[in-house]
Protein backbone atom coordinates (compact mmCIF):
# COMPACT_ATOMS: atom_id res chain seq x y z
CA MET A 1 0.00 0.00 0.00
CA ILE A 2 2.77 2.44 1.00
CA LEU A 3 4.78 1.49 -2.10
CA SER A 4 1.71 2.06 -4.27
CA LEU A 5 1.17 5.52 -2.74
CA LEU A 6 4.83 6.43 -3.29
CA ASN A 7 4.67 5.33 -6.90
CA THR A 8 1.47 7.35 -7.43
CA THR A 9 3.06 10.44 -5.83
CA ALA A 10 6.20 10.05 -7.94
CA LEU A 11 4.08 9.74 -11.09
CA LEU A 12 2.13 12.91 -10.23
CA VAL A 13 5.37 14.82 -9.58
CA PHE A 14 6.80 13.58 -12.87
CA LYS A 15 3.68 14.59 -14.79
CA ARG A 16 3.59 18.02 -13.13
CA THR A 17 7.30 18.62 -13.84
CA SER A 18 6.94 17.40 -17.42
CA PHE A 19 3.97 19.68 -17.94
CA THR A 20 5.59 22.84 -16.60
CA MET A 21 9.14 22.41 -17.91
CA PRO A 22 9.67 24.28 -21.21
CA ARG A 23 10.24 21.98 -24.16
CA GLY A 24 13.24 23.99 -25.33
CA ARG A 25 14.71 24.82 -28.73
CA THR A 26 18.10 24.32 -30.31
CA LEU A 27 20.48 27.27 -30.06
CA LEU A 28 20.54 27.77 -33.82
CA ASN A 29 16.73 27.77 -33.91
CA VAL A 30 16.52 30.49 -31.22
CA VAL A 31 19.20 32.53 -33.02
CA SER A 32 17.24 32.17 -36.26
CA GLU A 33 14.10 33.54 -34.56
CA LEU A 34 16.06 36.45 -33.06
CA GLU A 35 17.41 37.33 -36.48
CA LYS A 36 13.98 37.11 -38.09
CA PHE A 37 12.94 39.91 -35.76
CA ALA A 38 16.08 42.00 -36.31
CA PRO A 39 18.35 40.87 -39.17
CA LEU A 40 22.01 41.53 -38.42
CA ASN A 41 22.43 43.54 -41.63
CA LEU A 42 20.40 46.29 -39.93
CA ALA A 43 23.23 46.83 -37.43
CA GLU A 44 25.84 49.56 -37.85
CA LYS A 45 29.02 48.43 -39.62
CA TRP A 46 31.17 49.18 -36.55
CA ASP A 47 29.02 47.07 -34.25
CA ASN A 48 29.65 43.51 -32.98
CA VAL A 49 26.33 41.72 -33.09
CA GLY A 50 24.97 38.20 -33.31
CA LEU A 51 26.00 34.97 -31.60
CA LEU A 52 29.14 35.93 -29.66
CA ILE A 53 29.67 32.75 -27.61
CA GLU A 54 28.66 29.27 -28.76
CA PRO A 55 29.44 26.59 -26.16
CA PRO A 56 31.31 23.51 -27.44
CA LYS A 57 28.62 21.09 -26.22
CA GLU A 58 25.17 21.43 -27.71
CA ARG A 59 22.35 21.79 -25.19
CA SER A 60 18.67 22.51 -25.41
CA ILE A 61 17.81 26.17 -24.80
CA ARG A 62 15.10 26.12 -22.13
CA LYS A 63 15.81 29.32 -20.19
CA ILE A 64 16.79 32.67 -21.74
CA LEU A 65 17.94 35.68 -19.71
CA LEU A 66 17.42 39.16 -21.20
CA THR A 67 19.71 41.96 -20.02
CA ASN A 68 20.80 45.37 -21.22
CA ASP A 69 24.40 44.87 -20.01
CA LEU A 70 26.14 41.64 -19.11
CA THR A 71 27.99 42.63 -15.94
CA GLU A 72 29.54 40.22 -13.44
CA ARG A 73 26.48 40.57 -11.19
CA VAL A 74 24.23 39.61 -14.10
CA MET A 75 26.56 36.74 -15.02
CA LYS A 76 26.29 35.38 -11.46
CA GLU A 77 22.51 35.68 -11.70
CA ALA A 78 22.52 33.80 -15.02
CA VAL A 79 24.45 30.90 -13.49
CA GLU A 80 22.19 30.79 -10.40
CA GLN A 81 19.11 30.79 -12.66
CA ALA A 82 20.49 27.86 -14.73
CA THR A 83 20.34 30.01 -17.88
CA ASP A 84 21.08 28.39 -21.24
CA LEU A 85 21.26 31.59 -23.32
CA ILE A 86 21.92 35.22 -22.42
CA VAL A 87 20.62 37.90 -24.77
CA SER A 88 22.61 41.01 -23.88
CA TYR A 89 21.53 44.13 -25.78
CA HIS A 90 25.01 45.66 -25.48
CA PRO A 91 27.78 43.33 -26.71
CA PRO A 92 30.13 42.58 -23.79
CA ILE A 93 32.71 41.51 -26.39
CA PHE A 94 33.33 44.60 -28.49
CA ALA A 95 37.05 45.34 -28.69
CA PRO A 96 39.02 42.19 -29.63
CA LEU A 97 40.13 40.09 -26.65
CA LYS A 98 43.75 38.96 -26.88
CA ARG A 99 43.50 36.53 -23.97
CA ILE A 100 40.93 35.01 -21.62
CA THR A 101 42.22 35.38 -18.05
CA GLN A 102 40.76 36.22 -14.65
CA LYS A 103 42.31 39.72 -14.52
CA ASN A 104 39.63 41.58 -16.46
CA TRP A 105 35.87 41.44 -15.80
CA LYS A 106 34.93 40.98 -19.46
CA GLU A 107 37.41 38.12 -19.81
CA ARG A 108 36.00 36.54 -16.65
CA ILE A 109 32.49 36.70 -18.13
CA VAL A 110 33.64 34.91 -21.28
CA SER A 111 35.38 32.20 -19.27
CA ILE A 112 32.27 31.64 -17.12
CA CYS A 113 30.04 31.36 -20.19
CA LEU A 114 32.35 28.74 -21.66
CA ALA A 115 32.76 26.87 -18.37
CA GLU A 116 29.00 26.82 -17.72
CA GLY A 117 28.03 26.13 -21.33
CA ILE A 118 25.97 29.35 -21.59
CA ALA A 119 25.51 30.87 -25.04
CA LEU A 120 25.65 34.65 -25.56
CA TYR A 121 23.84 36.70 -28.19
CA SER A 122 23.91 40.47 -28.71
CA PRO A 123 21.61 42.47 -31.08
CA HIS A 124 22.56 46.10 -30.17
CA THR A 125 22.09 48.47 -33.12
CA ALA A 126 20.03 45.91 -35.07
CA TRP A 127 17.40 46.35 -32.34
CA ASP A 128 17.81 50.14 -32.58
CA ALA A 129 17.14 50.21 -36.30
CA VAL A 130 14.36 47.63 -36.68
CA PRO A 131 10.72 48.79 -36.75
CA GLY A 132 9.20 47.90 -33.39
CA GLY A 133 12.63 48.04 -31.74
CA VAL A 134 14.32 50.17 -29.10
CA ASN A 135 13.95 53.58 -30.76
CA ASP A 136 10.27 52.96 -31.47
CA TRP A 137 9.78 51.94 -27.83
CA LEU A 138 11.48 55.12 -26.54
CA SER A 139 9.53 57.28 -28.99
CA SER A 140 6.25 55.79 -27.76
CA ALA A 141 6.65 57.80 -24.55
CA LEU A 142 4.98 60.63 -26.52
CA PRO A 143 2.07 60.74 -28.97
CA CYS A 144 3.74 60.19 -32.36
CA ILE A 145 2.54 61.45 -35.73
CA ASP A 146 4.31 60.40 -38.95
CA MET A 147 7.30 58.73 -37.28
CA GLN A 148 10.32 58.23 -39.55
CA PRO A 149 13.97 57.19 -39.13
CA ILE A 150 16.40 60.10 -38.92
CA GLN A 151 18.74 58.11 -41.17
CA PRO A 152 16.67 55.60 -43.17
CA ASN A 153 18.21 52.18 -43.77
CA PRO A 154 19.72 51.85 -47.27
CA LEU A 155 17.72 48.63 -47.70
CA GLY A 156 14.49 50.62 -47.65
CA ALA A 157 12.10 52.42 -45.31
CA GLU A 158 10.45 49.17 -44.19
CA PHE A 159 13.76 48.23 -42.51
CA GLY A 160 13.77 51.28 -40.27
CA GLY A 161 17.11 52.97 -39.65
CA ALA A 162 18.97 55.11 -37.14
CA GLY A 163 17.00 57.24 -34.67
CA ARG A 164 13.42 58.41 -35.01
CA THR A 165 11.74 61.74 -35.69
CA PHE A 166 8.05 62.60 -35.49
CA THR A 167 5.64 65.41 -34.75
CA THR A 168 3.57 65.72 -31.59
CA SER A 169 1.49 68.28 -29.73
CA LEU A 170 2.57 68.78 -26.12
CA THR A 171 4.21 71.33 -23.90
CA LEU A 172 7.80 70.68 -22.88
CA GLY A 173 6.69 70.03 -19.30
CA GLN A 174 4.18 67.42 -20.48
CA ALA A 175 6.85 65.73 -22.60
CA VAL A 176 9.25 65.52 -19.65
CA ALA A 177 6.55 63.98 -17.43
CA ARG A 178 5.62 61.40 -20.07
CA VAL A 179 9.24 60.34 -20.66
CA GLN A 180 9.80 60.04 -16.93
CA ARG A 181 6.73 57.82 -16.54
CA HIS A 182 7.77 55.76 -19.57
CA ILE A 183 11.26 54.87 -18.33
CA GLY A 184 10.23 54.87 -14.66
CA LEU A 185 13.13 57.07 -13.58
CA ASN A 186 14.15 60.70 -13.20
CA VAL A 187 15.40 62.45 -16.32
CA HIS A 188 17.74 65.40 -16.89
CA LEU A 189 16.47 68.40 -18.84
CA ALA A 190 18.45 71.04 -20.72
CA LEU A 191 16.38 73.95 -22.01
CA GLY A 192 16.69 75.59 -25.40
CA VAL A 193 17.57 79.28 -25.11
CA ASN A 194 13.97 80.44 -25.60
CA HIS A 195 12.23 77.46 -23.94
CA ASP A 196 10.44 76.96 -20.65
CA LEU A 197 8.15 74.15 -19.46
CA ASP A 198 5.16 75.78 -21.19
CA THR A 199 6.89 75.89 -24.59
CA PRO A 200 4.90 73.98 -27.28
CA ILE A 201 6.76 70.97 -28.69
CA THR A 202 6.06 69.96 -32.28
CA VAL A 203 9.12 68.24 -33.80
CA VAL A 204 10.90 65.58 -31.75
CA ALA A 205 14.09 63.64 -32.55
CA VAL A 206 14.92 60.47 -30.62
CA CYS A 207 18.04 58.33 -30.32
CA ALA A 208 18.33 55.66 -27.64
CA GLY A 209 21.76 55.35 -26.02
CA SER A 210 24.31 57.95 -27.07
CA GLY A 211 22.65 60.36 -29.48
CA GLY A 212 25.15 63.18 -29.83
CA SER A 213 26.54 62.39 -33.27
CA LEU A 214 23.25 61.36 -34.87
CA LEU A 215 21.26 64.31 -33.50
CA LYS A 216 23.92 66.97 -34.09
CA GLY A 217 22.47 69.83 -36.11
CA TYR A 218 19.09 68.15 -36.57
CA GLU A 219 16.28 70.72 -36.49
CA ALA A 220 13.82 69.82 -33.74
CA ASP A 221 12.14 71.34 -30.72
CA LEU A 222 13.21 68.44 -28.52
CA PHE A 223 15.86 65.73 -28.44
CA ILE A 224 15.31 62.59 -26.35
CA THR A 225 18.35 60.40 -25.82
CA GLY A 226 20.40 58.61 -23.19
CA GLU A 227 23.51 60.77 -23.13
CA MET A 228 25.26 63.66 -24.88
CA SER A 229 28.51 65.42 -24.16
CA HIS A 230 28.58 68.83 -22.48
CA HIS A 231 29.39 70.61 -25.76
CA GLU A 232 26.76 68.66 -27.70
CA VAL A 233 24.14 69.81 -25.18
CA LEU A 234 25.39 73.42 -25.49
CA ASP A 235 25.10 73.22 -29.28
CA ALA A 236 21.52 71.93 -28.98
CA ASN A 237 20.59 74.68 -26.51
CA HIS A 238 21.98 77.35 -28.83
CA GLN A 239 19.94 76.06 -31.76
CA ASN A 240 16.89 76.40 -29.46
CA THR A 241 16.44 72.64 -28.98
CA SER A 242 15.64 71.28 -25.53
CA VAL A 243 17.24 67.98 -24.51
CA ILE A 244 15.93 65.18 -22.29
CA LEU A 245 18.73 62.88 -21.09
CA CYS A 246 17.69 59.58 -19.52
CA ASN A 247 21.18 58.13 -18.81
CA HIS A 248 22.49 55.77 -21.49
CA SER A 249 21.01 52.37 -20.66
CA ASN A 250 17.86 53.81 -19.07
CA SER A 251 16.85 54.91 -22.56
CA GLU A 252 17.03 51.26 -23.70
CA ARG A 253 16.34 48.87 -20.80
CA GLY A 254 12.55 49.20 -20.72
CA PHE A 255 12.33 47.67 -24.19
CA LEU A 256 13.25 44.29 -22.67
CA HIS A 257 9.81 44.03 -21.04
CA LYS A 258 8.13 44.53 -24.42
CA PHE A 259 10.50 42.10 -26.12
CA GLN A 260 10.02 39.41 -23.45
CA ASN A 261 6.42 38.90 -24.59
CA LYS A 262 7.33 39.12 -28.27
CA LEU A 263 10.07 36.50 -27.95
CA ASP A 264 7.75 34.21 -26.01
CA ASP A 265 5.29 34.41 -28.92
CA MET A 266 8.06 33.83 -31.45
CA LEU A 267 9.24 30.71 -29.61
CA LYS A 268 5.64 29.55 -28.96
CA GLY A 269 6.29 29.16 -25.24
CA ASP A 270 9.04 26.58 -25.77
CA CYS A 271 11.51 28.56 -23.62
CA GLU A 272 11.23 30.33 -20.28
CA ILE A 273 12.23 33.97 -20.78
CA ILE A 274 13.26 36.07 -17.81
CA ILE A 275 14.58 39.62 -17.42
CA SER A 276 17.64 40.23 -15.27
CA GLU A 277 16.97 41.69 -11.84
CA LYS A 278 20.64 42.66 -11.42
CA ASP A 279 20.97 44.73 -14.59
CA GLU A 280 20.98 48.49 -13.91
CA ASP A 281 22.43 51.74 -15.21
CA PRO A 282 25.85 52.39 -13.65
CA LEU A 283 24.95 56.06 -13.05
CA LYS A 284 22.63 56.95 -10.19
CA THR A 285 20.71 60.23 -9.95
CA GLN A 286 20.67 61.34 -6.34
CA VAL A 287 17.34 62.92 -5.44
CA LYS A 288 17.12 65.03 -2.29
CA SER A 289 14.39 64.00 0.13
């Protein structure tokens, strides 16, 4: 009787585990789906995108961790979560690595991925350019009319391109409040020479991440980006353009929540997709109480 009960319990546990455990996909299949969403030829030529680490032993991809930056804290989280694939928006391998040692944090991350058999994929500027990607997500903080890339992709308008520009109808103060709600954090505001919070905003230019070079000289009432240099902000102010700075990765990270659902649909629920809880912008804005 006791043996029968144990066998029944074991069978129920097995069925429950089998039912809830993701079926998984091959690594190449997941990569193929990622590249259907954002083909790598949309990325900037200087970028390092795609599958950056492929473990020597093939394993089923059941758990995927999404992160904006793959730091050592995120890497530790990935190991603790038994992650099979990390999708890191920013490529942690950018400049060529001449050796893999324990002296440098990026080299340590590579060695842990290899030791733990964790694959690493980075989309970066392919996600920026693609319609429905990072720049579209950041732009959606405001009502958008006739949104277009600032620099259309040479492949055609349907492939998106660098940055976004659109028209809207808000005051500057309303725009600041909407961006702040959208990213969930405080933002930094630089005013155009003739602007105040009641100034009407019509033309907006957006660039997630570092927007200084793309936005330079572009005629708009408002720039929204992650970061610009001191002199780039001065130039914008003097051309009567206000600037909202979100901090670099804060202008990108929120897209992961939108993409989590999209990737789950793309993979038909075959993989568990989680967002890193340890990923954060390295800059903190201190707010007085």
